[in-house]
């Protein structure tokens, strides 16, 4: 089972400040150094945790809160599959 702190650690490694320092309404592009860092973050999440983030998913993740919510949804789905 993937723990939330594992995901947060990966996310933190791509942000300009710790994840906990951002308000959920902060635009994600303001939380990363540049758009390339955002793409790297998405690729790392996919690679390390088996998450699938489509271009549409990335477009919908406009804020730090959106990113957290999307990751939570995918983690829940992965955990459900692992239990079944």
PDB file of N, CA and C in Angstrom:
ATOM      1  N   UNK A   1       0.843  -1.175   0.000  1.00  0.00           N
ATOM      2  CA  UNK A   1       0.000   0.000   0.000  1.00  0.00           C
ATOM      3  C   UNK A   1       0.894   1.245   0.000  1.00  0.00           C
ATOM      4  N   UNK A   2       0.594   2.168  -0.864  1.00  0.00           N
ATOM      5  CA  UNK A   2       1.360   3.402  -0.966  1.00  0.00           C
ATOM      6  C   UNK A   2       0.885   4.374   0.111  1.00  0.00           C
ATOM      7  N   UNK A   3       1.824   4.903   0.847  1.00  0.00           N
ATOM      8  CA  UNK A   3       1.506   5.855   1.910  1.00  0.00           C
ATOM      9  C   UNK A   3       1.555   7.279   1.373  1.00  0.00           C
ATOM     10  N   UNK A   4       0.703   8.114   1.919  1.00  0.00           N
ATOM     11  CA  UNK A   4       0.630   9.512   1.479  1.00  0.00           C
ATOM     12  C   UNK A   4       1.969  10.226   1.658  1.00  0.00           C
ATOM     13  N   UNK A   5       2.710   9.932   2.728  1.00  0.00           N
ATOM     14  CA  UNK A   5       3.980  10.624   2.954  1.00  0.00           C
ATOM     15  C   UNK A   5       5.004  10.284   1.875  1.00  0.00           C
ATOM     16  N   UNK A   6       4.895   9.098   1.257  1.00  0.00           N
ATOM     17  CA  UNK A   6       5.778   8.750   0.150  1.00  0.00           C
ATOM     18  C   UNK A   6       5.499   9.653  -1.055  1.00  0.00           C
ATOM     19  N   UNK A   7       4.224   9.868  -1.329  1.00  0.00           N
ATOM     20  CA  UNK A   7       3.826  10.751  -2.429  1.00  0.00           C
ATOM     21  C   UNK A   7       4.264  12.177  -2.133  1.00  0.00           C
ATOM     22  N   UNK A   8       3.999  12.639  -0.913  1.00  0.00           N
ATOM     23  CA  UNK A   8       4.372  14.003  -0.535  1.00  0.00           C
ATOM     24  C   UNK A   8       5.870  14.239  -0.693  1.00  0.00           C
ATOM     25  N   UNK A   9       6.662  13.237  -0.396  1.00  0.00           N
ATOM     26  CA  UNK A   9       8.112  13.355  -0.533  1.00  0.00           C
ATOM     27  C   UNK A   9       8.511  13.592  -1.992  1.00  0.00           C
ATOM     28  N   UNK A  10       7.874  12.859  -2.894  1.00  0.00           N
ATOM     29  CA  UNK A  10       8.157  13.052  -4.321  1.00  0.00           C
ATOM     30  C   UNK A  10       7.695  14.443  -4.759  1.00  0.00           C
ATOM     31  N   UNK A  11       6.507  14.833  -4.340  1.00  0.00           N
ATOM     32  CA  UNK A  11       5.988  16.153  -4.701  1.00  0.00           C
ATOM     33  C   UNK A  11       6.918  17.236  -4.162  1.00  0.00           C
ATOM     34  N   UNK A  12       7.300  17.125  -2.888  1.00  0.00           N
ATOM     35  CA  UNK A  12       8.193  18.124  -2.277  1.00  0.00           C
ATOM     36  C   UNK A  12       9.482  18.303  -3.064  1.00  0.00           C
ATOM     37  N   UNK A  13       9.997  17.229  -3.620  1.00  0.00           N
ATOM     38  CA  UNK A  13      11.279  17.308  -4.330  1.00  0.00           C
ATOM     39  C   UNK A  13      11.194  18.146  -5.609  1.00  0.00           C
ATOM     40  N   UNK A  14       9.993  18.458  -6.052  1.00  0.00           N
ATOM     41  CA  UNK A  14       9.824  19.245  -7.279  1.00  0.00           C
ATOM     42  C   UNK A  14       9.315  20.659  -7.031  1.00  0.00           C
ATOM     43  N   UNK A  15       8.998  20.990  -5.808  1.00  0.00           N
ATOM     44  CA  UNK A  15       8.451  22.307  -5.497  1.00  0.00           C
ATOM     45  C   UNK A  15       9.540  23.262  -5.038  1.00  0.00           C
ATOM     46  N   UNK A  16       9.267  24.546  -5.178  1.00  0.00           N
ATOM     47  CA  UNK A  16      10.245  25.547  -4.758  1.00  0.00           C
ATOM     48  C   UNK A  16      10.288  25.700  -3.244  1.00  0.00           C
ATOM     49  N   UNK A  17       9.227  25.313  -2.547  1.00  0.00           N
ATOM     50  CA  UNK A  17       9.133  25.318  -1.092  1.00  0.00           C
ATOM     51  C   UNK A  17       8.421  24.036  -0.668  1.00  0.00           C
ATOM     52  N   UNK A  18       8.482  23.682   0.623  1.00  0.00           N
ATOM     53  CA  UNK A  18       7.787  22.467   1.064  1.00  0.00           C
ATOM     54  C   UNK A  18       6.292  22.511   0.751  1.00  0.00           C
ATOM     55  N   UNK A  19       5.740  21.363   0.438  1.00  0.00           N
ATOM     56  CA  UNK A  19       4.321  21.248   0.104  1.00  0.00           C
ATOM     57  C   UNK A  19       3.445  21.870   1.178  1.00  0.00           C
ATOM     58  N   UNK A  20       3.804  21.658   2.430  1.00  0.00           N
ATOM     59  CA  UNK A  20       2.990  22.163   3.545  1.00  0.00           C
ATOM     60  C   UNK A  20       2.942  23.679   3.618  1.00  0.00           C
ATOM     61  N   UNK A  21       3.847  24.368   2.930  1.00  0.00           N
ATOM     62  CA  UNK A  21       3.864  25.830   2.976  1.00  0.00           C
ATOM     63  C   UNK A  21       2.899  26.473   1.975  1.00  0.00           C
ATOM     64  N   UNK A  22       2.295  25.659   1.115  1.00  0.00           N
ATOM     65  CA  UNK A  22       1.401  26.189   0.096  1.00  0.00           C
ATOM     66  C   UNK A  22      -0.060  26.039   0.494  1.00  0.00           C
ATOM     67  N   UNK A  23      -0.817  27.076   0.222  1.00  0.00           N
ATOM     68  CA  UNK A  23      -2.269  27.028   0.361  1.00  0.00           C
ATOM     69  C   UNK A  23      -2.800  26.143  -0.767  1.00  0.00           C
ATOM     70  N   UNK A  24      -3.847  25.361  -0.535  1.00  0.00           N
ATOM     71  CA  UNK A  24      -4.389  24.515  -1.601  1.00  0.00           C
ATOM     72  C   UNK A  24      -4.805  25.286  -2.856  1.00  0.00           C
ATOM     73  N   UNK A  25      -5.107  26.572  -2.714  1.00  0.00           N
ATOM     74  CA  UNK A  25      -5.529  27.371  -3.865  1.00  0.00           C
ATOM     75  C   UNK A  25      -4.354  27.947  -4.661  1.00  0.00           C
ATOM     76  N   UNK A  26      -3.122  27.706  -4.207  1.00  0.00           N
ATOM     77  CA  UNK A  26      -1.945  28.206  -4.922  1.00  0.00           C
ATOM     78  C   UNK A  26      -1.859  27.547  -6.302  1.00  0.00           C
ATOM     79  N   UNK A  27      -1.749  28.358  -7.349  1.00  0.00           N
ATOM     80  CA  UNK A  27      -1.578  27.761  -8.685  1.00  0.00           C
ATOM     81  C   UNK A  27      -0.335  26.876  -8.697  1.00  0.00           C
ATOM     82  N   UNK A  28      -0.473  25.684  -9.234  1.00  0.00           N
ATOM     83  CA  UNK A  28       0.642  24.738  -9.226  1.00  0.00           C
ATOM     84  C   UNK A  28       1.855  25.312  -9.942  1.00  0.00           C
ATOM     85  N   UNK A  29       1.643  26.103 -10.968  1.00  0.00           N
ATOM     86  CA  UNK A  29       2.761  26.664 -11.713  1.00  0.00           C
ATOM     87  C   UNK A  29       3.569  27.638 -10.846  1.00  0.00           C
ATOM     88  N   UNK A  30       2.932  28.191  -9.795  1.00  0.00           N
ATOM     89  CA  UNK A  30       3.652  29.053  -8.855  1.00  0.00           C
ATOM     90  C   UNK A  30       4.428  28.243  -7.821  1.00  0.00           C
ATOM     91  N   UNK A  31       4.095  26.982  -7.669  1.00  0.00           N
ATOM     92  CA  UNK A  31       4.738  26.129  -6.665  1.00  0.00           C
ATOM     93  C   UNK A  31       5.963  25.395  -7.216  1.00  0.00           C
ATOM     94  N   UNK A  32       6.067  25.317  -8.527  1.00  0.00           N
ATOM     95  CA  UNK A  32       7.218  24.664  -9.162  1.00  0.00           C
ATOM     96  C   UNK A  32       8.093  25.727  -9.815  1.00  0.00           C
ATOM     97  N   UNK A  33       9.338  25.359 -10.084  1.00  0.00           N
ATOM     98  CA  UNK A  33      10.275  26.324 -10.665  1.00  0.00           C
ATOM     99  C   UNK A  33       9.836  26.787 -12.054  1.00  0.00           C
ATOM    100  N   UNK A  34       9.310  25.855 -12.836  1.00  0.00           N
ATOM    101  CA  UNK A  34       8.853  26.178 -14.189  1.00  0.00           C
ATOM    102  C   UNK A  34       7.968  25.043 -14.694  1.00  0.00           C
ATOM    103  N   UNK A  35       7.434  25.193 -15.883  1.00  0.00           N
ATOM    104  CA  UNK A  35       6.518  24.181 -16.397  1.00  0.00           C
ATOM    105  C   UNK A  35       7.225  22.844 -16.629  1.00  0.00           C
ATOM    106  N   UNK A  36       8.509  22.885 -16.931  1.00  0.00           N
ATOM    107  CA  UNK A  36       9.261  21.641 -17.102  1.00  0.00           C
ATOM    108  C   UNK A  36       9.307  20.864 -15.790  1.00  0.00           C
ATOM    109  N   UNK A  37       9.475  21.562 -14.671  1.00  0.00           N
ATOM    110  CA  UNK A  37       9.489  20.904 -13.359  1.00  0.00           C
ATOM    111  C   UNK A  37       8.140  20.252 -13.074  1.00  0.00           C
ATOM    112  N   UNK A  38       7.057  20.860 -13.540  1.00  0.00           N
ATOM    113  CA  UNK A  38       5.722  20.288 -13.347  1.00  0.00           C
ATOM    114  C   UNK A  38       5.590  18.979 -14.127  1.00  0.00           C
ATOM    115  N   UNK A  39       6.081  18.966 -15.339  1.00  0.00           N
ATOM    116  CA  UNK A  39       6.039  17.749 -16.149  1.00  0.00           C
ATOM    117  C   UNK A  39       6.915  16.675 -15.510  1.00  0.00           C
ATOM    118  N   UNK A  40       8.091  17.057 -15.010  1.00  0.00           N
ATOM    119  CA  UNK A  40       8.959  16.096 -14.320  1.00  0.00           C
ATOM    120  C   UNK A  40       8.263  15.507 -13.095  1.00  0.00           C
ATOM    121  N   UNK A  41       7.552  16.344 -12.362  1.00  0.00           N
ATOM    122  CA  UNK A  41       6.804  15.877 -11.196  1.00  0.00           C
ATOM    123  C   UNK A  41       5.790  14.815 -11.614  1.00  0.00           C
ATOM    124  N   UNK A  42       5.024  15.101 -12.647  1.00  0.00           N
ATOM    125  CA  UNK A  42       4.022  14.139 -13.116  1.00  0.00           C
ATOM    126  C   UNK A  42       4.675  12.834 -13.556  1.00  0.00           C
ATOM    127  N   UNK A  43       5.775  12.919 -14.269  1.00  0.00           N
ATOM    128  CA  UNK A  43       6.467  11.716 -14.726  1.00  0.00           C
ATOM    129  C   UNK A  43       7.015  10.905 -13.558  1.00  0.00           C
ATOM    130  N   UNK A  44       7.567  11.585 -12.564  1.00  0.00           N
ATOM    131  CA  UNK A  44       8.077  10.879 -11.378  1.00  0.00           C
ATOM    132  C   UNK A  44       6.952  10.165 -10.634  1.00  0.00           C
ATOM    133  N   UNK A  45       5.815  10.818 -10.484  1.00  0.00           N
ATOM    134  CA  UNK A  45       4.681  10.186  -9.809  1.00  0.00           C
ATOM    135  C   UNK A  45       4.227   8.945 -10.563  1.00  0.00           C
ATOM    136  N   UNK A  46       4.166   9.061 -11.876  1.00  0.00           N
ATOM    137  CA  UNK A  46       3.767   7.913 -12.692  1.00  0.00           C
ATOM    138  C   UNK A  46       4.760   6.764 -12.540  1.00  0.00           C
ATOM    139  N   UNK A  47       6.025   7.087 -12.647  1.00  0.00           N
ATOM    140  CA  UNK A  47       7.068   6.064 -12.612  1.00  0.00           C
ATOM    141  C   UNK A  47       7.189   5.390 -11.243  1.00  0.00           C
ATOM    142  N   UNK A  48       7.218   6.190 -10.202  1.00  0.00           N
ATOM    143  CA  UNK A  48       7.478   5.637  -8.872  1.00  0.00           C
ATOM    144  C   UNK A  48       6.281   4.936  -8.246  1.00  0.00           C
ATOM    145  N   UNK A  49       5.070   5.346  -8.617  1.00  0.00           N
ATOM    146  CA  UNK A  49       3.894   4.807  -7.948  1.00  0.00           C
ATOM    147  C   UNK A  49       2.883   4.160  -8.882  1.00  0.00           C
ATOM    148  N   UNK A  50       3.206   4.088 -10.154  1.00  0.00           N
ATOM    149  CA  UNK A  50       2.290   3.455 -11.084  1.00  0.00           C
ATOM    150  C   UNK A  50       1.033   4.264 -11.349  1.00  0.00           C
ATOM    151  N   UNK A  51       1.081   5.545 -11.043  1.00  0.00           N
ATOM    152  CA  UNK A  51      -0.064   6.420 -11.316  1.00  0.00           C
ATOM    153  C   UNK A  51      -0.098   6.741 -12.797  1.00  0.00           C
ATOM    154  N   UNK A  52      -1.269   6.986 -13.315  1.00  0.00           N
ATOM    155  CA  UNK A  52      -1.429   7.391 -14.705  1.00  0.00           C
ATOM    156  C   UNK A  52      -2.055   8.773 -14.731  1.00  0.00           C
ATOM    157  N   UNK A  53      -1.313   9.723 -15.259  1.00  0.00           N
ATOM    158  CA  UNK A  53      -1.800  11.094 -15.348  1.00  0.00           C
ATOM    159  C   UNK A  53      -1.793  11.505 -16.812  1.00  0.00           C
ATOM    160  N   UNK A  54      -2.973  11.638 -17.389  1.00  0.00           N
ATOM    161  CA  UNK A  54      -3.084  12.012 -18.796  1.00  0.00           C
ATOM    162  C   UNK A  54      -2.858  13.517 -18.949  1.00  0.00           C
ATOM    163  N   UNK A  55      -2.716  13.957 -20.187  1.00  0.00           N
ATOM    164  CA  UNK A  55      -2.591  15.394 -20.438  1.00  0.00           C
ATOM    165  C   UNK A  55      -3.811  16.128 -19.910  1.00  0.00           C
ATOM    166  N   UNK A  56      -4.975  15.507 -20.044  1.00  0.00           N
ATOM    167  CA  UNK A  56      -6.200  16.111 -19.517  1.00  0.00           C
ATOM    168  C   UNK A  56      -6.161  16.238 -18.011  1.00  0.00           C
ATOM    169  N   UNK A  57      -5.625  15.201 -17.343  1.00  0.00           N
ATOM    170  CA  UNK A  57      -5.483  15.260 -15.890  1.00  0.00           C
ATOM    171  C   UNK A  57      -4.597  16.432 -15.495  1.00  0.00           C
ATOM    172  N   UNK A  58      -3.469  16.567 -16.186  1.00  0.00           N
ATOM    173  CA  UNK A  58      -2.543  17.646 -15.863  1.00  0.00           C
ATOM    174  C   UNK A  58      -3.182  19.012 -16.094  1.00  0.00           C
ATOM    175  N   UNK A  59      -3.970  19.133 -17.141  1.00  0.00           N
ATOM    176  CA  UNK A  59      -4.638  20.401 -17.433  1.00  0.00           C
ATOM    177  C   UNK A  59      -5.642  20.756 -16.344  1.00  0.00           C
ATOM    178  N   UNK A  60      -6.273  19.736 -15.746  1.00  0.00           N
ATOM    179  CA  UNK A  60      -7.260  19.971 -14.693  1.00  0.00           C
ATOM    180  C   UNK A  60      -6.622  20.277 -13.344  1.00  0.00           C
ATOM    181  N   UNK A  61      -5.354  19.955 -13.182  1.00  0.00           N
ATOM    182  CA  UNK A  61      -4.669  20.185 -11.908  1.00  0.00           C
ATOM    183  C   UNK A  61      -4.044  21.574 -11.900  1.00  0.00           C
ATOM    184  N   UNK A  62      -4.876  22.574 -11.721  1.00  0.00           N
ATOM    185  CA  UNK A  62      -4.414  23.958 -11.783  1.00  0.00           C
ATOM    186  C   UNK A  62      -3.810  24.448 -10.471  1.00  0.00           C
ATOM    187  N   UNK A  63      -4.210  23.836  -9.361  1.00  0.00           N
ATOM    188  CA  UNK A  63      -3.743  24.301  -8.055  1.00  0.00           C
ATOM    189  C   UNK A  63      -3.075  23.163  -7.282  1.00  0.00           C
ATOM    190  N   UNK A  64      -2.386  23.525  -6.215  1.00  0.00           N
ATOM    191  CA  UNK A  64      -1.774  22.530  -5.341  1.00  0.00           C
ATOM    192  C   UNK A  64      -2.853  21.596  -4.797  1.00  0.00           C
ATOM    193  N   UNK A  65      -4.006  22.136  -4.452  1.00  0.00           N
ATOM    194  CA  UNK A  65      -5.117  21.320  -3.962  1.00  0.00           C
ATOM    195  C   UNK A  65      -5.638  20.358  -5.016  1.00  0.00           C
ATOM    196  N   UNK A  66      -5.711  20.818  -6.262  1.00  0.00           N
ATOM    197  CA  UNK A  66      -6.136  19.942  -7.356  1.00  0.00           C
ATOM    198  C   UNK A  66      -5.170  18.772  -7.508  1.00  0.00           C
ATOM    199  N   UNK A  67      -3.883  19.056  -7.432  1.00  0.00           N
ATOM    200  CA  UNK A  67      -2.867  18.014  -7.554  1.00  0.00           C
ATOM    201  C   UNK A  67      -3.023  16.993  -6.430  1.00  0.00           C
ATOM    202  N   UNK A  68      -3.164  17.473  -5.213  1.00  0.00           N
ATOM    203  CA  UNK A  68      -3.326  16.581  -4.062  1.00  0.00           C
ATOM    204  C   UNK A  68      -4.582  15.730  -4.204  1.00  0.00           C
ATOM    205  N   UNK A  69      -5.676  16.351  -4.635  1.00  0.00           N
ATOM    206  CA  UNK A  69      -6.927  15.614  -4.806  1.00  0.00           C
ATOM    207  C   UNK A  69      -6.818  14.538  -5.872  1.00  0.00           C
ATOM    208  N   UNK A  70      -6.191  14.863  -6.987  1.00  0.00           N
ATOM    209  CA  UNK A  70      -6.043  13.896  -8.075  1.00  0.00           C
ATOM    210  C   UNK A  70      -5.172  12.721  -7.640  1.00  0.00           C
ATOM    211  N   UNK A  71      -4.111  13.012  -6.910  1.00  0.00           N
ATOM    212  CA  UNK A  71      -3.233  11.941  -6.437  1.00  0.00           C
ATOM    213  C   UNK A  71      -3.980  11.063  -5.438  1.00  0.00           C
ATOM    214  N   UNK A  72      -4.731  11.690  -4.531  1.00  0.00           N
ATOM    215  CA  UNK A  72      -5.516  10.921  -3.564  1.00  0.00           C
ATOM    216  C   UNK A  72      -6.489   9.979  -4.266  1.00  0.00           C
ATOM    217  N   UNK A  73      -7.165  10.464  -5.310  1.00  0.00           N
ATOM    218  CA  UNK A  73      -8.112   9.637  -6.054  1.00  0.00           C
ATOM    219  C   UNK A  73      -7.416   8.442  -6.692  1.00  0.00           C
ATOM    220  N   UNK A  74      -6.272   8.681  -7.295  1.00  0.00           N
ATOM    221  CA  UNK A  74      -5.553   7.601  -7.958  1.00  0.00           C
ATOM    222  C   UNK A  74      -4.975   6.602  -6.958  1.00  0.00           C
ATOM    223  N   UNK A  75      -4.509   7.107  -5.823  1.00  0.00           N
ATOM    224  CA  UNK A  75      -4.019   6.206  -4.775  1.00  0.00           C
ATOM    225  C   UNK A  75      -5.140   5.317  -4.257  1.00  0.00           C
ATOM    226  N   UNK A  76      -6.297   5.898  -4.051  1.00  0.00           N
ATOM    227  CA  UNK A  76      -7.438   5.125  -3.572  1.00  0.00           C
ATOM    228  C   UNK A  76      -7.795   4.034  -4.576  1.00  0.00           C
ATOM    229  N   UNK A  77      -7.773   4.379  -5.847  1.00  0.00           N
ATOM    230  CA  UNK A  77      -8.083   3.389  -6.888  1.00  0.00           C
ATOM    231  C   UNK A  77      -7.035   2.282  -6.906  1.00  0.00           C
ATOM    232  N   UNK A  78      -5.757   2.641  -6.779  1.00  0.00           N
ATOM    233  CA  UNK A  78      -4.711   1.636  -6.749  1.00  0.00           C
ATOM    234  C   UNK A  78      -4.845   0.732  -5.528  1.00  0.00           C
ATOM    235  N   UNK A  79      -5.161   1.317  -4.396  1.00  0.00           N
ATOM    236  CA  UNK A  79      -5.313   0.541  -3.170  1.00  0.00           C
ATOM    237  C   UNK A  79      -6.511  -0.405  -3.262  1.00  0.00           C
ATOM    238  N   UNK A  80      -7.595   0.055  -3.900  1.00  0.00           N
ATOM    239  CA  UNK A  80      -8.768  -0.821  -4.085  1.00  0.00           C
ATOM    240  C   UNK A  80      -8.396  -2.011  -4.966  1.00  0.00           C
ATOM    241  N   UNK A  81      -7.633  -1.744  -6.034  1.00  0.00           N
ATOM    242  CA  UNK A  81      -7.220  -2.829  -6.922  1.00  0.00           C
ATOM    243  C   UNK A  81      -6.313  -3.816  -6.197  1.00  0.00           C
ATOM    244  N   UNK A  82      -5.445  -3.298  -5.327  1.00  0.00           N
ATOM    245  CA  UNK A  82      -4.515  -4.161  -4.593  1.00  0.00           C
ATOM    246  C   UNK A  82      -5.255  -5.064  -3.611  1.00  0.00           C
ATOM    247  N   UNK A  83      -6.351  -4.580  -3.057  1.00  0.00           N
ATOM    248  CA  UNK A  83      -7.129  -5.360  -2.092  1.00  0.00           C
ATOM    249  C   UNK A  83      -7.919  -6.446  -2.806  1.00  0.00           C
ATOM    250  N   UNK A  84      -8.428  -6.122  -3.986  1.00  0.00           N
ATOM    251  CA  UNK A  84      -9.253  -7.090  -4.740  1.00  0.00           C
ATOM    252  C   UNK A  84      -8.349  -8.054  -5.373  1.00  0.00           C
TER     253      UNK A  84
END
